[in-house]
PDB file of N, CA and C in Angstrom:
ATOM      1  N   PHE A   1      35.165 -16.727  78.993  1.00  0.00           N
ATOM      2  CA  PHE A   1      34.813 -16.562  77.603  1.00  0.00           C
ATOM      3  C   PHE A   1      33.413 -15.973  77.455  1.00  0.00           C
ATOM      4  N   ASN A   2      32.425 -16.585  78.111  1.00  0.00           N
ATOM      5  CA  ASN A   2      31.056 -16.079  77.986  1.00  0.00           C
ATOM      6  C   ASN A   2      30.937 -14.649  78.477  1.00  0.00           C
ATOM      7  N   GLY A   3      31.597 -14.334  79.580  1.00  0.00           N
ATOM      8  CA  GLY A   3      31.561 -12.975  80.105  1.00  0.00           C
ATOM      9  C   GLY A   3      32.197 -11.988  79.142  1.00  0.00           C
ATOM     10  N   SER A   4      33.296 -12.388  78.525  1.00  0.00           N
ATOM     11  CA  SER A   4      33.963 -11.517  77.553  1.00  0.00           C
ATOM     12  C   SER A   4      33.075 -11.268  76.348  1.00  0.00           C
ATOM     13  N   VAL A   5      32.467 -12.311  75.825  1.00  0.00           N
ATOM     14  CA  VAL A   5      31.585 -12.155  74.663  1.00  0.00           C
ATOM     15  C   VAL A   5      30.385 -11.302  75.034  1.00  0.00           C
ATOM     16  N   GLN A   6      29.838 -11.542  76.203  1.00  0.00           N
ATOM     17  CA  GLN A   6      28.675 -10.763  76.632  1.00  0.00           C
ATOM     18  C   GLN A   6      29.036  -9.289  76.771  1.00  0.00           C
ATOM     19  N   TYR A   7      30.131  -8.993  77.423  1.00  0.00           N
ATOM     20  CA  TYR A   7      30.513  -7.602  77.651  1.00  0.00           C
ATOM     21  C   TYR A   7      31.013  -6.934  76.372  1.00  0.00           C
ATOM     22  N   GLU A   8      31.898  -7.622  75.637  1.00  0.00           N
ATOM     23  CA  GLU A   8      32.541  -7.010  74.476  1.00  0.00           C
ATOM     24  C   GLU A   8      31.661  -6.990  73.234  1.00  0.00           C
ATOM     25  N   PHE A   9      30.718  -7.909  73.133  1.00  0.00           N
ATOM     26  CA  PHE A   9      29.926  -7.967  71.907  1.00  0.00           C
ATOM     27  C   PHE A   9      28.440  -7.719  72.137  1.00  0.00           C
ATOM     28  N   ILE A  10      27.821  -8.520  72.960  1.00  0.00           N
ATOM     29  CA  ILE A  10      26.359  -8.452  73.088  1.00  0.00           C
ATOM     30  C   ILE A  10      25.906  -7.096  73.589  1.00  0.00           C
ATOM     31  N   TYR A  11      26.528  -6.573  74.632  1.00  0.00           N
ATOM     32  CA  TYR A  11      26.117  -5.272  75.163  1.00  0.00           C
ATOM     33  C   TYR A  11      26.248  -4.160  74.125  1.00  0.00           C
ATOM     34  N   HIS A  12      27.196  -4.305  73.200  1.00  0.00           N
ATOM     35  CA  HIS A  12      27.414  -3.278  72.189  1.00  0.00           C
ATOM     36  C   HIS A  12      26.574  -3.505  70.932  1.00  0.00           C
ATOM     37  N   ASN A  13      25.826  -4.602  70.895  1.00  0.00           N
ATOM     38  CA  ASN A  13      24.997  -4.906  69.730  1.00  0.00           C
ATOM     39  C   ASN A  13      23.553  -5.181  70.115  1.00  0.00           C
ATOM     40  N   LEU A  14      23.129  -4.657  71.245  1.00  0.00           N
ATOM     41  CA  LEU A  14      21.753  -4.872  71.690  1.00  0.00           C
ATOM     42  C   LEU A  14      20.744  -4.297  70.709  1.00  0.00           C
ATOM     43  N   ASP A  15      21.095  -3.209  70.031  1.00  0.00           N
ATOM     44  CA  ASP A  15      20.166  -2.618  69.066  1.00  0.00           C
ATOM     45  C   ASP A  15      19.815  -3.618  67.967  1.00  0.00           C
ATOM     46  N   THR A  16      20.793  -4.356  67.467  1.00  0.00           N
ATOM     47  CA  THR A  16      20.546  -5.362  66.434  1.00  0.00           C
ATOM     48  C   THR A  16      19.700  -6.494  66.985  1.00  0.00           C
ATOM     49  N   LEU A  17      19.969  -6.887  68.210  1.00  0.00           N
ATOM     50  CA  LEU A  17      19.216  -7.969  68.832  1.00  0.00           C
ATOM     51  C   LEU A  17      17.776  -7.549  69.083  1.00  0.00           C
ATOM     52  N   PHE A  18      17.570  -6.327  69.580  1.00  0.00           N
ATOM     53  CA  PHE A  18      16.216  -5.847  69.850  1.00  0.00           C
ATOM     54  C   PHE A  18      15.412  -5.640  68.570  1.00  0.00           C
ATOM     55  N   LEU A  19      16.092  -5.373  67.463  1.00  0.00           N
ATOM     56  CA  LEU A  19      15.397  -5.231  66.180  1.00  0.00           C
ATOM     57  C   LEU A  19      15.002  -6.591  65.607  1.00  0.00           C
ATOM     58  N   LYS A  20      15.407  -7.645  66.311  1.00  0.00           N
ATOM     59  CA  LYS A  20      15.133  -9.024  65.905  1.00  0.00           C
ATOM     60  C   LYS A  20      15.723  -9.348  64.526  1.00  0.00           C
ATOM     61  N   ASP A  21      16.834  -8.713  64.243  1.00  0.00           N
ATOM     62  CA  ASP A  21      17.568  -8.986  63.010  1.00  0.00           C
ATOM     63  C   ASP A  21      18.618 -10.051  63.324  1.00  0.00           C
ATOM     64  N   LEU A  22      18.155 -11.285  63.514  1.00  0.00           N
ATOM     65  CA  LEU A  22      19.040 -12.352  63.973  1.00  0.00           C
ATOM     66  C   LEU A  22      20.096 -12.732  62.941  1.00  0.00           C
ATOM     67  N   THR A  23      19.770 -12.621  61.677  1.00  0.00           N
ATOM     68  CA  THR A  23      20.761 -12.934  60.644  1.00  0.00           C
ATOM     69  C   THR A  23      21.946 -11.983  60.751  1.00  0.00           C
ATOM     70  N   ASN A  24      21.663 -10.704  60.870  1.00  0.00           N
ATOM     71  CA  ASN A  24      22.731  -9.710  61.000  1.00  0.00           C
ATOM     72  C   ASN A  24      23.467  -9.876  62.329  1.00  0.00           C
ATOM     73  N   PHE A  25      22.732 -10.149  63.401  1.00  0.00           N
ATOM     74  CA  PHE A  25      23.342 -10.357  64.712  1.00  0.00           C
ATOM     75  C   PHE A  25      24.304 -11.548  64.661  1.00  0.00           C
ATOM     76  N   ASN A  26      23.870 -12.660  64.072  1.00  0.00           N
ATOM     77  CA  ASN A  26      24.719 -13.850  63.978  1.00  0.00           C
ATOM     78  C   ASN A  26      25.944 -13.599  63.105  1.00  0.00           C
ATOM     79  N   ARG A  27      25.783 -12.836  62.021  1.00  0.00           N
ATOM     80  CA  ARG A  27      26.918 -12.499  61.164  1.00  0.00           C
ATOM     81  C   ARG A  27      27.949 -11.690  61.949  1.00  0.00           C
ATOM     82  N   LYS A  28      27.467 -10.692  62.691  1.00  0.00           N
ATOM     83  CA  LYS A  28      28.372  -9.873  63.507  1.00  0.00           C
ATOM     84  C   LYS A  28      29.033 -10.705  64.607  1.00  0.00           C
ATOM     85  N   LEU A  29      28.271 -11.619  65.198  1.00  0.00           N
ATOM     86  CA  LEU A  29      28.822 -12.477  66.251  1.00  0.00           C
ATOM     87  C   LEU A  29      29.937 -13.357  65.697  1.00  0.00           C
ATOM     88  N   MET A  30      29.734 -13.938  64.524  1.00  0.00           N
ATOM     89  CA  MET A  30      30.776 -14.777  63.928  1.00  0.00           C
ATOM     90  C   MET A  30      32.028 -13.960  63.628  1.00  0.00           C
ATOM     91  N   GLN A  31      31.856 -12.742  63.138  1.00  0.00           N
ATOM     92  CA  GLN A  31      33.008 -11.871  62.891  1.00  0.00           C
ATOM     93  C   GLN A  31      33.740 -11.572  64.198  1.00  0.00           C
ATOM     94  N   HIS A  32      32.974 -11.347  65.249  1.00  0.00           N
ATOM     95  CA  HIS A  32      33.582 -11.063  66.551  1.00  0.00           C
ATOM     96  C   HIS A  32      34.357 -12.280  67.061  1.00  0.00           C
ATOM     97  N   LEU A  33      33.788 -13.469  66.926  1.00  0.00           N
ATOM     98  CA  LEU A  33      34.455 -14.674  67.416  1.00  0.00           C
ATOM     99  C   LEU A  33      35.742 -14.962  66.643  1.00  0.00           C
ATOM    100  N   VAL A  34      35.724 -14.706  65.352  1.00  0.00           N
ATOM    101  CA  VAL A  34      36.961 -14.863  64.567  1.00  0.00           C
ATOM    102  C   VAL A  34      38.012 -13.889  65.075  1.00  0.00           C
ATOM    103  N   TRP A  35      37.625 -12.631  65.263  1.00  0.00           N
ATOM    104  CA  TRP A  35      38.553 -11.626  65.798  1.00  0.00           C
ATOM    105  C   TRP A  35      39.044 -12.035  67.190  1.00  0.00           C
ATOM    106  N   TYR A  36      38.119 -12.490  68.042  1.00  0.00           N
ATOM    107  CA  TYR A  36      38.436 -12.860  69.421  1.00  0.00           C
ATOM    108  C   TYR A  36      39.513 -13.948  69.460  1.00  0.00           C
ATOM    109  N   ASN A  37      39.443 -14.900  68.551  1.00  0.00           N
ATOM    110  CA  ASN A  37      40.370 -16.029  68.563  1.00  0.00           C
ATOM    111  C   ASN A  37      41.611 -15.842  67.704  1.00  0.00           C
ATOM    112  N   THR A  38      41.616 -14.826  66.826  1.00  0.00           N
ATOM    113  CA  THR A  38      42.772 -14.661  65.944  1.00  0.00           C
ATOM    114  C   THR A  38      43.542 -13.367  66.166  1.00  0.00           C
ATOM    115  N   LYS A  39      42.902 -12.338  66.686  1.00  0.00           N
ATOM    116  CA  LYS A  39      43.554 -11.028  66.814  1.00  0.00           C
ATOM    117  C   LYS A  39      43.606 -10.489  68.240  1.00  0.00           C
ATOM    118  N   ARG A  40      42.571 -10.724  69.034  1.00  0.00           N
ATOM    119  CA  ARG A  40      42.459 -10.102  70.359  1.00  0.00           C
ATOM    120  C   ARG A  40      43.518 -10.654  71.310  1.00  0.00           C
ATOM    121  N   PRO A  41      44.318  -9.781  71.938  1.00  0.00           N
ATOM    122  CA  PRO A  41      45.286 -10.254  72.930  1.00  0.00           C
ATOM    123  C   PRO A  41      44.576 -10.728  74.202  1.00  0.00           C
ATOM    124  N   HIS A  42      45.065 -11.812  74.768  1.00  0.00           N
ATOM    125  CA  HIS A  42      44.504 -12.374  75.994  1.00  0.00           C
ATOM    126  C   HIS A  42      45.559 -12.290  77.092  1.00  0.00           C
ATOM    127  N   LEU A  43      45.194 -11.720  78.207  1.00  0.00           N
ATOM    128  CA  LEU A  43      46.126 -11.543  79.316  1.00  0.00           C
ATOM    129  C   LEU A  43      46.698 -12.886  79.774  1.00  0.00           C
ATOM    130  N   SER A  44      45.856 -13.912  79.842  1.00  0.00           N
ATOM    131  CA  SER A  44      46.312 -15.220  80.324  1.00  0.00           C
ATOM    132  C   SER A  44      47.245 -15.921  79.336  1.00  0.00           C
ATOM    133  N   LEU A  45      47.334 -15.404  78.108  1.00  0.00           N
ATOM    134  CA  LEU A  45      48.216 -15.993  77.097  1.00  0.00           C
ATOM    135  C   LEU A  45      49.384 -15.063  76.776  1.00  0.00           C
ATOM    136  N   ASP A  46      49.812 -14.303  77.770  1.00  0.00           N
ATOM    137  CA  ASP A  46      50.920 -13.347  77.604  1.00  0.00           C
ATOM    138  C   ASP A  46      50.638 -12.342  76.485  1.00  0.00           C
ATOM    139  N   LEU A  47      49.405 -11.866  76.449  1.00  0.00           N
ATOM    140  CA  LEU A  47      48.943 -10.869  75.474  1.00  0.00           C
ATOM    141  C   LEU A  47      49.055 -11.351  74.029  1.00  0.00           C
ATOM    142  N   LYS A  48      48.895 -12.645  73.834  1.00  0.00           N
ATOM    143  CA  LYS A  48      48.828 -13.219  72.491  1.00  0.00           C
ATOM    144  C   LYS A  48      47.387 -13.622  72.218  1.00  0.00           C
ATOM    145  N   SER A  49      47.053 -13.716  70.942  1.00  0.00           N
ATOM    146  CA  SER A  49      45.742 -14.259  70.586  1.00  0.00           C
ATOM    147  C   SER A  49      45.805 -15.778  70.768  1.00  0.00           C
ATOM    148  N   PRO A  50      44.656 -16.445  70.928  1.00  0.00           N
ATOM    149  CA  PRO A  50      44.689 -17.908  71.028  1.00  0.00           C
ATOM    150  C   PRO A  50      45.370 -18.563  69.823  1.00  0.00           C
ATOM    151  N   LEU A  51      45.121 -18.039  68.642  1.00  0.00           N
ATOM    152  CA  LEU A  51      45.766 -18.595  67.454  1.00  0.00           C
ATOM    153  C   LEU A  51      47.280 -18.445  67.533  1.00  0.00           C
ATOM    154  N   GLN A  52      47.748 -17.259  67.879  1.00  0.00           N
ATOM    155  CA  GLN A  52      49.192 -17.035  67.967  1.00  0.00           C
ATOM    156  C   GLN A  52      49.810 -17.903  69.055  1.00  0.00           C
ATOM    157  N   TYR A  53      49.105 -18.076  70.154  1.00  0.00           N
ATOM    158  CA  TYR A  53      49.606 -18.911  71.243  1.00  0.00           C
ATOM    159  C   TYR A  53      49.788 -20.360  70.780  1.00  0.00           C
ATOM    160  N   VAL A  54      48.807 -20.880  70.061  1.00  0.00           N
ATOM    161  CA  VAL A  54      48.906 -22.258  69.565  1.00  0.00           C
ATOM    162  C   VAL A  54      50.044 -22.378  68.553  1.00  0.00           C
ATOM    163  N   LEU A  55      50.165 -21.397  67.675  1.00  0.00           N
ATOM    164  CA  LEU A  55      51.252 -21.443  66.690  1.00  0.00           C
ATOM    165  C   LEU A  55      52.620 -21.376  67.356  1.00  0.00           C
ATOM    166  N   ASP A  56      52.749 -20.564  68.387  1.00  0.00           N
ATOM    167  CA  ASP A  56      54.025 -20.432  69.095  1.00  0.00           C
ATOM    168  C   ASP A  56      54.336 -21.631  69.976  1.00  0.00           C
ATOM    169  N   ASN A  57      53.321 -22.342  70.408  1.00  0.00           N
ATOM    170  CA  ASN A  57      53.505 -23.458  71.343  1.00  0.00           C
ATOM    171  C   ASN A  57      53.023 -24.770  70.748  1.00  0.00           C
ATOM    172  N   ASP A  58      53.177 -24.923  69.464  1.00  0.00           N
ATOM    173  CA  ASP A  58      52.668 -26.096  68.762  1.00  0.00           C
ATOM    174  C   ASP A  58      53.200 -27.390  69.355  1.00  0.00           C
ATOM    175  N   GLN A  59      54.468 -27.449  69.632  1.00  0.00           N
ATOM    176  CA  GLN A  59      55.059 -28.672  70.166  1.00  0.00           C
ATOM    177  C   GLN A  59      54.424 -29.045  71.500  1.00  0.00           C
ATOM    178  N   ASN A  60      54.249 -28.078  72.381  1.00  0.00           N
ATOM    179  CA  ASN A  60      53.634 -28.349  73.673  1.00  0.00           C
ATOM    180  C   ASN A  60      52.158 -28.665  73.532  1.00  0.00           C
ATOM    181  N   SER A  61      51.475 -28.015  72.604  1.00  0.00           N
ATOM    182  CA  SER A  61      50.045 -28.226  72.439  1.00  0.00           C
ATOM    183  C   SER A  61      49.743 -29.657  72.037  1.00  0.00           C
ATOM    184  N   ARG A  62      50.558 -30.225  71.185  1.00  0.00           N
ATOM    185  CA  ARG A  62      50.308 -31.592  70.721  1.00  0.00           C
ATOM    186  C   ARG A  62      50.451 -32.616  71.842  1.00  0.00           C
ATOM    187  N   MET A  63      51.212 -32.292  72.850  1.00  0.00           N
ATOM    188  CA  MET A  63      51.398 -33.221  73.960  1.00  0.00           C
ATOM    189  C   MET A  63      50.091 -33.494  74.680  1.00  0.00           C
ATOM    190  N   TRP A  64      49.165 -32.568  74.639  1.00  0.00           N
ATOM    191  CA  TRP A  64      47.952 -32.681  75.433  1.00  0.00           C
ATOM    192  C   TRP A  64      46.742 -33.138  74.629  1.00  0.00           C
ATOM    193  N   TRP A  65      46.897 -33.378  73.333  1.00  0.00           N
ATOM    194  CA  TRP A  65      45.768 -33.816  72.521  1.00  0.00           C
ATOM    195  C   TRP A  65      45.394 -35.236  72.906  1.00  0.00           C
ATOM    196  N   THR A  66      44.115 -35.497  72.945  1.00  0.00           N
ATOM    197  CA  THR A  66      43.640 -36.837  73.275  1.00  0.00           C
ATOM    198  C   THR A  66      42.820 -37.373  72.119  1.00  0.00           C
ATOM    199  N   SER A  67      42.742 -38.663  72.064  1.00  0.00           N
ATOM    200  CA  SER A  67      41.939 -39.309  71.034  1.00  0.00           C
ATOM    201  C   SER A  67      40.473 -39.271  71.443  1.00  0.00           C
ATOM    202  N   THR A  68      39.618 -39.001  70.479  1.00  0.00           N
ATOM    203  CA  THR A  68      38.179 -38.987  70.763  1.00  0.00           C
ATOM    204  C   THR A  68      37.474 -40.125  70.038  1.00  0.00           C
ATOM    205  N   ARG A  69      38.247 -41.099  69.598  1.00  0.00           N
ATOM    206  CA  ARG A  69      37.649 -42.238  68.892  1.00  0.00           C
ATOM    207  C   ARG A  69      36.857 -43.090  69.870  1.00  0.00           C
ATOM    208  N   PHE A  70      35.766 -43.597  69.377  1.00  0.00           N
ATOM    209  CA  PHE A  70      34.927 -44.482  70.177  1.00  0.00           C
ATOM    210  C   PHE A  70      35.368 -45.907  69.890  1.00  0.00           C
ATOM    211  N   VAL A  71      35.682 -46.649  70.927  1.00  0.00           N
ATOM    212  CA  VAL A  71      36.159 -48.018  70.766  1.00  0.00           C
ATOM    213  C   VAL A  71      35.105 -48.971  71.306  1.00  0.00           C
ATOM    214  N   LEU A  72      34.682 -49.911  70.456  1.00  0.00           N
ATOM    215  CA  LEU A  72      33.729 -50.936  70.890  1.00  0.00           C
ATOM    216  C   LEU A  72      34.492 -52.090  71.515  1.00  0.00           C
ATOM    217  N   SER A  73      33.950 -52.644  72.577  1.00  0.00           N
ATOM    218  CA  SER A  73      34.637 -53.779  73.191  1.00  0.00           C
ATOM    219  C   SER A  73      33.978 -55.074  72.833  1.00  0.00           C
TER     220      SER A  73
END
């Protein structure tokens, strides 16, 4: 994930980063992350986006969810 974001986004937006326009850089980064998780095909997910993969495999995905509740003893 980090390598993909670095290669696909940061390297192509260095001009914004070097201009120290962090607000614009962060806005572009958020747009990229939304695209990355909703539209971009992933080879490891049979060329589906993570969102599409979860929607297609909802039944299997729920099997692996764990509780994160903190229990006091």
